Amino acid sequence: MADTLHFKTGDGARIAYRLDGPEDRPVLMLSNSIATTFHMWDGQVPELAKSFRVLRYDFRGHGGSDAPAGAYSLDRLGRDVLELLDFLGLARIHFLGLSLGGFVGQWLGIHAPERIDRLILSNTSQHLGPASYFDEQILNVLAASDLSATADMFMRNWFPASMLDGQSTTVEPFHAAILAMSPQGLAGCFAAVRDADLRRPISLITAPTLVIGGEDDKVTLANHSEAIAATIPSAKLLLLRGVHLLNVERPEEFMEAVLGFLGATPNGEATVSNHFTGALRAIG
């Protein structure tokens, strides 16, 4: 398995990233949920790396990345991605973002369309509110002696009760990662979500787009996914029976959709497919 590497952004933040898979394959960048690290994708990388050069990274404030003081913005999180791509000399990539990673994916599709080949937006939203909710979360994480209450909240939002009962080797690493997180980093990303409103500009996205949603998602509701797919021209929508971290809860269906949309073949080759014949429906 590849080592974790770092690069420094224009504003001096050190960002952790990792590359897996053959160097001669198309690059697929993965962007994860708030309050997780790039290890959120550990279950998918071995299969994805058969077809792609897989690039993962930690948001500022998360995992192995620095946690600068102050509120972060979606613009800053998007620029972190572009600066990483420039650092690695990558002109164009596929991008898969889940939750906060999906917000970043939408931003890239709007502001850097020349960098995005195919775009997958999973369990995300154009806008989440009210702002007072995120202000309260920011105050709570900065004032708390530990993040155990925040971790419990995220776990209930991310997974069905059946996965939370008893000791689960699947979900426990997610709980542990939150407890180890920087409160400042988490608060900074809460601010980025609070201030993001992409409801109108995502109509400018031109990349072929797949939107994946969870029928039982408690945060980025299924109708959020429907609204995104209805706004992005020619986007495709897939709703799965599940909650929020569908790559963990429904890994087989999730991977089938991702690989099919990206044109990956059973022998590990990646092609650019103009048509995806999976269980999706076109919007518009």
C-alpha atoms as a PDB file:
ATOM      1  CA  MET A   1       0.000   0.000   0.000  1.00  0.00           C
ATOM      2  CA  ALA A   2       1.245   3.464  -0.815  1.00  0.00           C
ATOM      3  CA  ASP A   3       2.578   5.885   1.772  1.00  0.00           C
ATOM      4  CA  THR A   4       0.876   9.072   2.911  1.00  0.00           C
ATOM      5  CA  LEU A   5       2.482  12.118   1.321  1.00  0.00           C
ATOM      6  CA  HIS A   6       2.078  15.865   1.911  1.00  0.00           C
ATOM      7  CA  PHE A   7       2.148  19.093  -0.029  1.00  0.00           C
ATOM      8  CA  LYS A   8       1.771  22.721   1.061  1.00  0.00           C
ATOM      9  CA  THR A   9      -1.011  24.964  -0.240  1.00  0.00           C
ATOM     10  CA  GLY A  10      -0.639  28.589  -1.222  1.00  0.00           C
ATOM     11  CA  ASP A  11      -1.775  29.736   2.218  1.00  0.00           C
ATOM     12  CA  GLY A  12       0.717  27.448   3.955  1.00  0.00           C
ATOM     13  CA  ALA A  13      -1.521  24.531   4.992  1.00  0.00           C
ATOM     14  CA  ARG A  14       0.044  21.090   4.801  1.00  0.00           C
ATOM     15  CA  ILE A  15      -2.358  18.636   3.106  1.00  0.00           C
ATOM     16  CA  ALA A  16      -2.055  14.845   3.320  1.00  0.00           C
ATOM     17  CA  TYR A  17      -2.671  12.748   0.210  1.00  0.00           C
ATOM     18  CA  ARG A  18      -2.110   9.260  -1.105  1.00  0.00           C
ATOM     19  CA  LEU A  19      -1.835   7.594  -4.519  1.00  0.00           C
ATOM     20  CA  ASP A  20      -2.655   3.974  -5.299  1.00  0.00           C
ATOM     21  CA  GLY A  21      -2.780   2.027  -8.543  1.00  0.00           C
ATOM     22  CA  PRO A  22      -0.772   1.986 -11.785  1.00  0.00           C
ATOM     23  CA  GLU A  23       0.752   5.265 -12.889  1.00  0.00           C
ATOM     24  CA  ASP A  24      -0.415   4.799 -16.481  1.00  0.00           C
ATOM     25  CA  ARG A  25      -4.143   4.640 -15.646  1.00  0.00           C
ATOM     26  CA  PRO A  26      -6.673   7.518 -15.648  1.00  0.00           C
ATOM     27  CA  VAL A  27      -6.728   9.357 -12.318  1.00  0.00           C
ATOM     28  CA  LEU A  28      -9.778   9.061 -10.081  1.00  0.00           C
ATOM     29  CA  MET A  29      -9.798  11.488  -7.155  1.00  0.00           C
ATOM     30  CA  LEU A  30     -11.806  10.586  -4.048  1.00  0.00           C
ATOM     31  CA  SER A  31     -13.076  13.213  -1.620  1.00  0.00           C
ATOM     32  CA  ASN A  32     -14.667  12.126   1.632  1.00  0.00           C
ATOM     33  CA  SER A  33     -17.243  13.232   4.171  1.00  0.00           C
ATOM     34  CA  ILE A  34     -16.723  15.813   6.871  1.00  0.00           C
ATOM     35  CA  ALA A  35     -15.348  14.210  10.069  1.00  0.00           C
ATOM     36  CA  THR A  36     -13.679  11.346   8.181  1.00  0.00           C
ATOM     37  CA  THR A  37     -10.223  10.804   6.699  1.00  0.00           C
ATOM     38  CA  PHE A  38      -9.259   9.387   3.333  1.00  0.00           C
ATOM     39  CA  HIS A  39      -9.361   5.970   4.996  1.00  0.00           C
ATOM     40  CA  MET A  40     -13.114   6.213   4.465  1.00  0.00           C
ATOM     41  CA  TRP A  41     -12.353   4.744   1.020  1.00  0.00           C
ATOM     42  CA  ASP A  42     -10.125   1.861   2.171  1.00  0.00           C
ATOM     43  CA  GLY A  43     -12.754  -0.706   1.226  1.00  0.00           C
ATOM     44  CA  GLN A  44     -13.025   0.600  -2.343  1.00  0.00           C
ATOM     45  CA  VAL A  45      -9.410   1.385  -3.237  1.00  0.00           C
ATOM     46  CA  PRO A  46      -8.200  -2.160  -3.991  1.00  0.00           C
ATOM     47  CA  GLU A  47     -10.874  -2.628  -6.670  1.00  0.00           C
ATOM     48  CA  LEU A  48     -10.688   0.937  -7.975  1.00  0.00           C
ATOM     49  CA  ALA A  49      -6.907   0.693  -8.281  1.00  0.00           C
ATOM     50  CA  LYS A  50      -7.284  -2.092 -10.849  1.00  0.00           C
ATOM     51  CA  SER A  51      -8.659   0.462 -13.305  1.00  0.00           C
ATOM     52  CA  PHE A  52      -7.473   3.836 -12.025  1.00  0.00           C
ATOM     53  CA  ARG A  53      -4.654   5.752 -10.444  1.00  0.00           C
ATOM     54  CA  VAL A  54      -6.535   6.572  -7.230  1.00  0.00           C
ATOM     55  CA  LEU A  55      -5.819   9.886  -5.515  1.00  0.00           C
ATOM     56  CA  ARG A  56      -7.139  10.481  -1.991  1.00  0.00           C
ATOM     57  CA  TYR A  57      -6.558  13.380   0.375  1.00  0.00           C
ATOM     58  CA  ASP A  58      -7.565  14.707   3.790  1.00  0.00           C
ATOM     59  CA  PHE A  59      -9.469  17.976   4.011  1.00  0.00           C
ATOM     60  CA  ARG A  60      -7.649  20.693   5.888  1.00  0.00           C
ATOM     61  CA  GLY A  61      -8.540  20.173   9.525  1.00  0.00           C
ATOM     62  CA  HIS A  62      -8.854  16.416   9.066  1.00  0.00           C
ATOM     63  CA  GLY A  63      -6.587  13.370   9.404  1.00  0.00           C
ATOM     64  CA  GLY A  64      -2.991  14.037   8.453  1.00  0.00           C
ATOM     65  CA  SER A  65      -3.630  17.569   7.158  1.00  0.00           C
ATOM     66  CA  ASP A  66      -3.056  20.793   9.060  1.00  0.00           C
ATOM     67  CA  ALA A  67      -5.938  22.453  10.928  1.00  0.00           C
ATOM     68  CA  PRO A  68      -5.537  26.219  10.447  1.00  0.00           C
ATOM     69  CA  ALA A  69      -7.472  28.479  12.804  1.00  0.00           C
ATOM     70  CA  GLY A  70     -10.680  30.134  11.655  1.00  0.00           C
ATOM     71  CA  ALA A  71     -13.621  29.334   9.416  1.00  0.00           C
ATOM     72  CA  TYR A  72     -12.904  27.539   6.135  1.00  0.00           C
ATOM     73  CA  SER A  73     -14.775  28.237   2.917  1.00  0.00           C
ATOM     74  CA  LEU A  74     -15.879  25.993   0.077  1.00  0.00           C
ATOM     75  CA  ASP A  75     -13.742  28.145  -2.220  1.00  0.00           C
ATOM     76  CA  ARG A  76     -10.685  27.367  -0.088  1.00  0.00           C
ATOM     77  CA  LEU A  77     -11.467  23.631  -0.010  1.00  0.00           C
ATOM     78  CA  GLY A  78     -11.883  23.678  -3.792  1.00  0.00           C
ATOM     79  CA  ARG A  79      -8.610  25.521  -4.284  1.00  0.00           C
ATOM     80  CA  ASP A  80      -6.858  22.942  -2.093  1.00  0.00           C
ATOM     81  CA  VAL A  81      -7.862  20.330  -4.678  1.00  0.00           C
ATOM     82  CA  LEU A  82      -6.730  22.428  -7.640  1.00  0.00           C
ATOM     83  CA  GLU A  83      -3.402  23.188  -5.996  1.00  0.00           C
ATOM     84  CA  LEU A  84      -2.870  19.475  -5.308  1.00  0.00           C
ATOM     85  CA  LEU A  85      -3.625  18.642  -8.935  1.00  0.00           C
ATOM     86  CA  ASP A  86      -1.196  21.337 -10.081  1.00  0.00           C
ATOM     87  CA  PHE A  87       1.445  20.054  -7.656  1.00  0.00           C
ATOM     88  CA  LEU A  88       1.086  16.543  -9.113  1.00  0.00           C
ATOM     89  CA  GLY A  89       0.945  17.780 -12.710  1.00  0.00           C
ATOM     90  CA  LEU A  90      -2.541  16.372 -13.292  1.00  0.00           C
ATOM     91  CA  ALA A  91      -4.468  18.293 -15.940  1.00  0.00           C
ATOM     92  CA  ARG A  92      -7.748  16.336 -15.916  1.00  0.00           C
ATOM     93  CA  ILE A  93      -9.300  13.742 -13.613  1.00  0.00           C
ATOM     94  CA  HIS A  94     -12.456  11.866 -12.715  1.00  0.00           C
ATOM     95  CA  PHE A  95     -13.805  13.075  -9.360  1.00  0.00           C
ATOM     96  CA  LEU A  96     -15.921  11.191  -6.809  1.00  0.00           C
ATOM     97  CA  GLY A  97     -17.033  13.164  -3.768  1.00  0.00           C
ATOM     98  CA  LEU A  98     -19.308  12.058  -0.931  1.00  0.00           C
ATOM     99  CA  SER A  99     -21.064  14.481   1.440  1.00  0.00           C
ATOM    100  CA  LEU A 100     -18.665  17.441   1.931  1.00  0.00           C
ATOM    101  CA  GLY A 101     -16.613  15.872  -0.856  1.00  0.00           C
ATOM    102  CA  GLY A 102     -19.707  16.208  -3.027  1.00  0.00           C
ATOM    103  CA  PHE A 103     -19.902  19.922  -2.248  1.00  0.00           C
ATOM    104  CA  VAL A 104     -16.294  20.209  -3.391  1.00  0.00           C
ATOM    105  CA  GLY A 105     -17.088  18.200  -6.518  1.00  0.00           C
ATOM    106  CA  GLN A 106     -19.894  20.589  -7.405  1.00  0.00           C
ATOM    107  CA  TRP A 107     -17.572  23.575  -6.853  1.00  0.00           C
ATOM    108  CA  LEU A 108     -14.972  22.030  -9.168  1.00  0.00           C
ATOM    109  CA  GLY A 109     -17.580  21.319 -11.828  1.00  0.00           C
ATOM    110  CA  ILE A 110     -18.625  24.978 -11.725  1.00  0.00           C
ATOM    111  CA  HIS A 111     -15.250  26.720 -11.344  1.00  0.00           C
ATOM    112  CA  ALA A 112     -12.782  24.331 -12.996  1.00  0.00           C
ATOM    113  CA  PRO A 113     -14.716  22.423 -15.676  1.00  0.00           C
ATOM    114  CA  GLU A 114     -11.559  21.905 -17.731  1.00  0.00           C
ATOM    115  CA  ARG A 115     -10.113  19.768 -14.917  1.00  0.00           C
ATOM    116  CA  ILE A 116     -13.039  17.352 -14.553  1.00  0.00           C
ATOM    117  CA  ASP A 117     -13.726  14.474 -16.932  1.00  0.00           C
ATOM    118  CA  ARG A 118     -16.522  12.586 -15.157  1.00  0.00           C
ATOM    119  CA  LEU A 119     -18.125  13.682 -11.897  1.00  0.00           C
ATOM    120  CA  ILE A 120     -19.811  11.527  -9.249  1.00  0.00           C
ATOM    121  CA  LEU A 121     -21.693  13.278  -6.435  1.00  0.00           C
ATOM    122  CA  SER A 122     -22.770  10.972  -3.622  1.00  0.00           C
ATOM    123  CA  ASN A 123     -24.923  11.759  -0.566  1.00  0.00           C
ATOM    124  CA  THR A 124     -24.500  15.485  -0.875  1.00  0.00           C
ATOM    125  CA  SER A 125     -26.546  18.645  -1.213  1.00  0.00           C
ATOM    126  CA  GLN A 126     -26.597  21.991  -2.968  1.00  0.00           C
ATOM    127  CA  HIS A 127     -27.257  23.763   0.331  1.00  0.00           C
ATOM    128  CA  LEU A 128     -27.760  22.704   3.943  1.00  0.00           C
ATOM    129  CA  GLY A 129     -29.328  24.827   6.641  1.00  0.00           C
ATOM    130  CA  PRO A 130     -30.266  26.556   8.730  1.00  0.00           C
ATOM    131  CA  ALA A 131     -27.038  28.428   9.465  1.00  0.00           C
ATOM    132  CA  SER A 132     -27.937  28.457  13.167  1.00  0.00           C
ATOM    133  CA  TYR A 133     -27.585  24.657  13.272  1.00  0.00           C
ATOM    134  CA  PHE A 134     -23.984  24.834  12.087  1.00  0.00           C
ATOM    135  CA  ASP A 135     -23.228  27.766  14.393  1.00  0.00           C
ATOM    136  CA  GLU A 136     -24.399  25.588  17.276  1.00  0.00           C
ATOM    137  CA  GLN A 137     -22.251  22.658  16.123  1.00  0.00           C
ATOM    138  CA  ILE A 138     -19.219  24.933  15.863  1.00  0.00           C
ATOM    139  CA  LEU A 139     -19.750  26.233  19.402  1.00  0.00           C
ATOM    140  CA  ASN A 140     -20.265  22.703  20.715  1.00  0.00           C
ATOM    141  CA  VAL A 141     -17.096  21.179  19.231  1.00  0.00           C
ATOM    142  CA  LEU A 142     -14.922  24.104  20.317  1.00  0.00           C
ATOM    143  CA  ALA A 143     -16.301  24.109  23.874  1.00  0.00           C
ATOM    144  CA  ALA A 144     -16.443  20.364  24.527  1.00  0.00           C
ATOM    145  CA  SER A 145     -13.740  18.560  26.505  1.00  0.00           C
ATOM    146  CA  ASP A 146     -13.849  15.778  23.896  1.00  0.00           C
ATOM    147  CA  LEU A 147     -15.730  14.931  20.711  1.00  0.00           C
ATOM    148  CA  SER A 148     -17.620  11.889  22.010  1.00  0.00           C
ATOM    149  CA  ALA A 149     -21.062  13.534  21.723  1.00  0.00           C
ATOM    150  CA  THR A 150     -20.225  14.768  18.217  1.00  0.00           C
ATOM    151  CA  ALA A 151     -18.980  11.308  17.276  1.00  0.00           C
ATOM    152  CA  ASP A 152     -22.219   9.720  18.462  1.00  0.00           C
ATOM    153  CA  MET A 153     -24.224  12.224  16.394  1.00  0.00           C
ATOM    154  CA  PHE A 154     -22.273  11.506  13.241  1.00  0.00           C
ATOM    155  CA  MET A 155     -22.523   7.763  13.695  1.00  0.00           C
ATOM    156  CA  ARG A 156     -26.320   7.964  13.973  1.00  0.00           C
ATOM    157  CA  ASN A 157     -26.423  10.131  10.839  1.00  0.00           C
ATOM    158  CA  TRP A 158     -24.073   7.943   8.826  1.00  0.00           C
ATOM    159  CA  PHE A 159     -25.163   4.369   9.501  1.00  0.00           C
ATOM    160  CA  PRO A 160     -28.381   2.399  10.066  1.00  0.00           C
ATOM    161  CA  ALA A 161     -29.084   1.148  13.568  1.00  0.00           C
ATOM    162  CA  SER A 162     -28.333  -2.409  12.458  1.00  0.00           C
ATOM    163  CA  MET A 163     -24.694  -1.448  11.840  1.00  0.00           C
ATOM    164  CA  LEU A 164     -24.371   0.388  15.165  1.00  0.00           C
ATOM    165  CA  ASP A 165     -25.602  -2.420  17.410  1.00  0.00           C
ATOM    166  CA  GLY A 166     -22.789  -4.105  19.334  1.00  0.00           C
ATOM    167  CA  GLN A 167     -19.124  -4.057  18.394  1.00  0.00           C
ATOM    168  CA  SER A 168     -18.689  -3.510  14.664  1.00  0.00           C
ATOM    169  CA  THR A 169     -15.248  -3.690  13.110  1.00  0.00           C
ATOM    170  CA  THR A 170     -16.692  -1.844  10.122  1.00  0.00           C
ATOM    171  CA  VAL A 171     -17.952   1.290  11.873  1.00  0.00           C
ATOM    172  CA  GLU A 172     -15.651   1.510  14.910  1.00  0.00           C
ATOM    173  CA  PRO A 173     -12.738   3.071  12.958  1.00  0.00           C
ATOM    174  CA  PHE A 174     -15.053   5.920  11.921  1.00  0.00           C
ATOM    175  CA  HIS A 175     -15.934   6.600  15.562  1.00  0.00           C
ATOM    176  CA  ALA A 176     -12.288   6.507  16.578  1.00  0.00           C
ATOM    177  CA  ALA A 177     -11.295   8.894  13.780  1.00  0.00           C
ATOM    178  CA  ILE A 178     -13.745  11.531  15.030  1.00  0.00           C
ATOM    179  CA  LEU A 179     -12.461  11.268  18.602  1.00  0.00           C
ATOM    180  CA  ALA A 180      -8.935  11.902  17.302  1.00  0.00           C
ATOM    181  CA  MET A 181      -9.952  14.879  15.148  1.00  0.00           C
ATOM    182  CA  SER A 182      -8.964  18.494  15.656  1.00  0.00           C
ATOM    183  CA  PRO A 183     -11.958  20.440  17.036  1.00  0.00           C
ATOM    184  CA  GLN A 184     -10.726  23.506  15.154  1.00  0.00           C
ATOM    185  CA  GLY A 185     -10.535  21.553  11.910  1.00  0.00           C
ATOM    186  CA  LEU A 186     -14.032  20.167  12.322  1.00  0.00           C
ATOM    187  CA  ALA A 187     -15.398  23.614  13.201  1.00  0.00           C
ATOM    188  CA  GLY A 188     -13.670  25.097  10.161  1.00  0.00           C
ATOM    189  CA  CYS A 189     -15.345  22.616   7.823  1.00  0.00           C
ATOM    190  CA  PHE A 190     -18.729  23.071   9.543  1.00  0.00           C
ATOM    191  CA  ALA A 191     -18.402  26.744   8.557  1.00  0.00           C
ATOM    192  CA  ALA A 192     -17.679  25.791   4.939  1.00  0.00           C
ATOM    193  CA  VAL A 193     -20.878  23.722   4.782  1.00  0.00           C
ATOM    194  CA  ARG A 194     -22.876  26.438   6.546  1.00  0.00           C
ATOM    195  CA  ASP A 195     -21.913  29.076   3.992  1.00  0.00           C
ATOM    196  CA  ALA A 196     -22.162  26.976   0.823  1.00  0.00           C
ATOM    197  CA  ASP A 197     -25.081  27.600  -1.530  1.00  0.00           C
ATOM    198  CA  LEU A 198     -24.776  25.979  -4.954  1.00  0.00           C
ATOM    199  CA  ARG A 199     -28.470  25.790  -5.811  1.00  0.00           C
ATOM    200  CA  ARG A 200     -28.241  28.052  -8.846  1.00  0.00           C
ATOM    201  CA  PRO A 201     -24.656  27.742 -10.176  1.00  0.00           C
ATOM    202  CA  ILE A 202     -24.611  23.944 -10.541  1.00  0.00           C
ATOM    203  CA  SER A 203     -26.719  24.388 -13.659  1.00  0.00           C
ATOM    204  CA  LEU A 204     -23.391  25.456 -15.221  1.00  0.00           C
ATOM    205  CA  ILE A 205     -21.788  22.027 -14.720  1.00  0.00           C
ATOM    206  CA  THR A 206     -21.015  20.415 -18.075  1.00  0.00           C
ATOM    207  CA  ALA A 207     -19.186  17.247 -17.011  1.00  0.00           C
ATOM    208  CA  PRO A 208     -21.075  13.951 -17.352  1.00  0.00           C
ATOM    209  CA  THR A 209     -22.463  13.563 -13.840  1.00  0.00           C
ATOM    210  CA  LEU A 210     -23.804  10.696 -11.747  1.00  0.00           C
ATOM    211  CA  VAL A 211     -25.697  11.575  -8.553  1.00  0.00           C
ATOM    212  CA  ILE A 212     -26.000   8.842  -5.910  1.00  0.00           C
ATOM    213  CA  GLY A 213     -28.329   9.257  -2.931  1.00  0.00           C
ATOM    214  CA  GLY A 214     -29.548   7.253   0.030  1.00  0.00           C
ATOM    215  CA  GLU A 215     -33.268   6.658   0.363  1.00  0.00           C
ATOM    216  CA  ASP A 216     -32.910   6.844   4.166  1.00  0.00           C
ATOM    217  CA  ASP A 217     -30.249   9.564   4.372  1.00  0.00           C
ATOM    218  CA  LYS A 218     -31.023  11.758   7.392  1.00  0.00           C
ATOM    219  CA  VAL A 219     -28.768  14.697   6.428  1.00  0.00           C
ATOM    220  CA  THR A 220     -28.438  14.988   2.664  1.00  0.00           C
ATOM    221  CA  LEU A 221     -31.939  13.769   1.967  1.00  0.00           C
ATOM    222  CA  ALA A 222     -32.925  11.771  -1.093  1.00  0.00           C
ATOM    223  CA  ASN A 223     -34.764  14.810  -2.443  1.00  0.00           C
ATOM    224  CA  HIS A 224     -31.483  16.749  -2.264  1.00  0.00           C
ATOM    225  CA  SER A 225     -29.963  14.224  -4.651  1.00  0.00           C
ATOM    226  CA  GLU A 226     -33.028  14.486  -6.878  1.00  0.00           C
ATOM    227  CA  ALA A 227     -32.718  18.283  -6.942  1.00  0.00           C
ATOM    228  CA  ILE A 228     -29.036  18.159  -7.888  1.00  0.00           C
ATOM    229  CA  ALA A 229     -29.686  15.681 -10.693  1.00  0.00           C
ATOM    230  CA  ALA A 230     -32.579  17.803 -11.953  1.00  0.00           C
ATOM    231  CA  THR A 231     -30.411  20.946 -12.060  1.00  0.00           C
ATOM    232  CA  ILE A 232     -27.213  19.600 -13.671  1.00  0.00           C
ATOM    233  CA  PRO A 233     -27.821  19.116 -17.413  1.00  0.00           C
ATOM    234  CA  SER A 234     -28.175  15.440 -18.412  1.00  0.00           C
ATOM    235  CA  ALA A 235     -27.178  14.188 -14.956  1.00  0.00           C
ATOM    236  CA  LYS A 236     -28.100  10.640 -13.977  1.00  0.00           C
ATOM    237  CA  LEU A 237     -29.585   9.700 -10.617  1.00  0.00           C
ATOM    238  CA  LEU A 238     -29.303   6.518  -8.567  1.00  0.00           C
ATOM    239  CA  LEU A 239     -31.022   6.132  -5.192  1.00  0.00           C
ATOM    240  CA  LEU A 240     -29.894   3.215  -3.044  1.00  0.00           C
ATOM    241  CA  ARG A 241     -31.572   1.770   0.012  1.00  0.00           C
ATOM    242  CA  GLY A 242     -29.272   3.118   2.672  1.00  0.00           C
ATOM    243  CA  VAL A 243     -28.282   6.042   4.844  1.00  0.00           C
ATOM    244  CA  HIS A 244     -25.249   8.314   4.313  1.00  0.00           C
ATOM    245  CA  LEU A 245     -21.940   6.482   3.888  1.00  0.00           C
ATOM    246  CA  LEU A 246     -23.230   4.279   1.103  1.00  0.00           C
ATOM    247  CA  ASN A 247     -19.734   3.183   0.084  1.00  0.00           C
ATOM    248  CA  VAL A 248     -19.559   1.446   3.494  1.00  0.00           C
ATOM    249  CA  GLU A 249     -23.181   0.399   3.960  1.00  0.00           C
ATOM    250  CA  ARG A 250     -23.885  -0.690   0.356  1.00  0.00           C
ATOM    251  CA  PRO A 251     -20.409  -1.307  -1.071  1.00  0.00           C
ATOM    252  CA  GLU A 252     -21.384  -3.707  -3.874  1.00  0.00           C
ATOM    253  CA  GLU A 253     -24.167  -1.559  -5.330  1.00  0.00           C
ATOM    254  CA  PHE A 254     -22.076   1.582  -4.845  1.00  0.00           C
ATOM    255  CA  MET A 255     -19.074   0.158  -6.655  1.00  0.00           C
ATOM    256  CA  GLU A 256     -21.180  -1.272  -9.474  1.00  0.00           C
ATOM    257  CA  ALA A 257     -22.597   2.194 -10.128  1.00  0.00           C
ATOM    258  CA  VAL A 258     -19.234   3.961  -9.902  1.00  0.00           C
ATOM    259  CA  LEU A 259     -17.334   1.522 -12.104  1.00  0.00           C
ATOM    260  CA  GLY A 260     -20.135   1.370 -14.633  1.00  0.00           C
ATOM    261  CA  PHE A 261     -20.390   5.134 -14.929  1.00  0.00           C
ATOM    262  CA  LEU A 262     -16.620   5.499 -15.287  1.00  0.00           C
ATOM    263  CA  GLY A 263     -16.490   2.796 -17.947  1.00  0.00           C
ATOM    264  CA  ALA A 264     -14.261   0.368 -16.057  1.00  0.00           C
ATOM    265  CA  THR A 265     -14.149  -3.140 -17.553  1.00  0.00           C
ATOM    266  CA  PRO A 266     -13.854  -6.462 -15.669  1.00  0.00           C
ATOM    267  CA  ASN A 267     -10.189  -6.821 -16.686  1.00  0.00           C
ATOM    268  CA  GLY A 268      -9.310  -3.595 -14.932  1.00  0.00           C
ATOM    269  CA  GLU A 269      -9.171  -1.309 -17.934  1.00  0.00           C
ATOM    270  CA  ALA A 270     -10.843   2.094 -17.829  1.00  0.00           C
ATOM    271  CA  THR A 271     -12.564   3.488 -20.874  1.00  0.00           C
ATOM    272  CA  VAL A 272     -14.516   6.659 -21.487  1.00  0.00           C
ATOM    273  CA  SER A 273     -18.069   5.442 -21.969  1.00  0.00           C
ATOM    274  CA  ASN A 274     -20.694   7.650 -23.572  1.00  0.00           C
ATOM    275  CA  HIS A 275     -23.518   5.524 -22.216  1.00  0.00           C
ATOM    276  CA  PHE A 276     -24.062   3.873 -18.843  1.00  0.00           C
ATOM    277  CA  THR A 277     -26.617   1.092 -18.840  1.00  0.00           C
ATOM    278  CA  GLY A 278     -26.870   0.563 -15.079  1.00  0.00           C
ATOM    279  CA  ALA A 279     -30.010   1.091 -13.026  1.00  0.00           C
ATOM    280  CA  LEU A 280     -30.049   4.848 -13.433  1.00  0.00           C
ATOM    281  CA  ARG A 281     -32.502   7.317 -14.815  1.00  0.00           C
ATOM    282  CA  ALA A 282     -31.653  10.393 -16.810  1.00  0.00           C
ATOM    283  CA  ILE A 283     -32.939  13.703 -15.541  1.00  0.00           C
ATOM    284  CA  GLY A 284     -34.157  16.271 -18.047  1.00  0.00           C
END
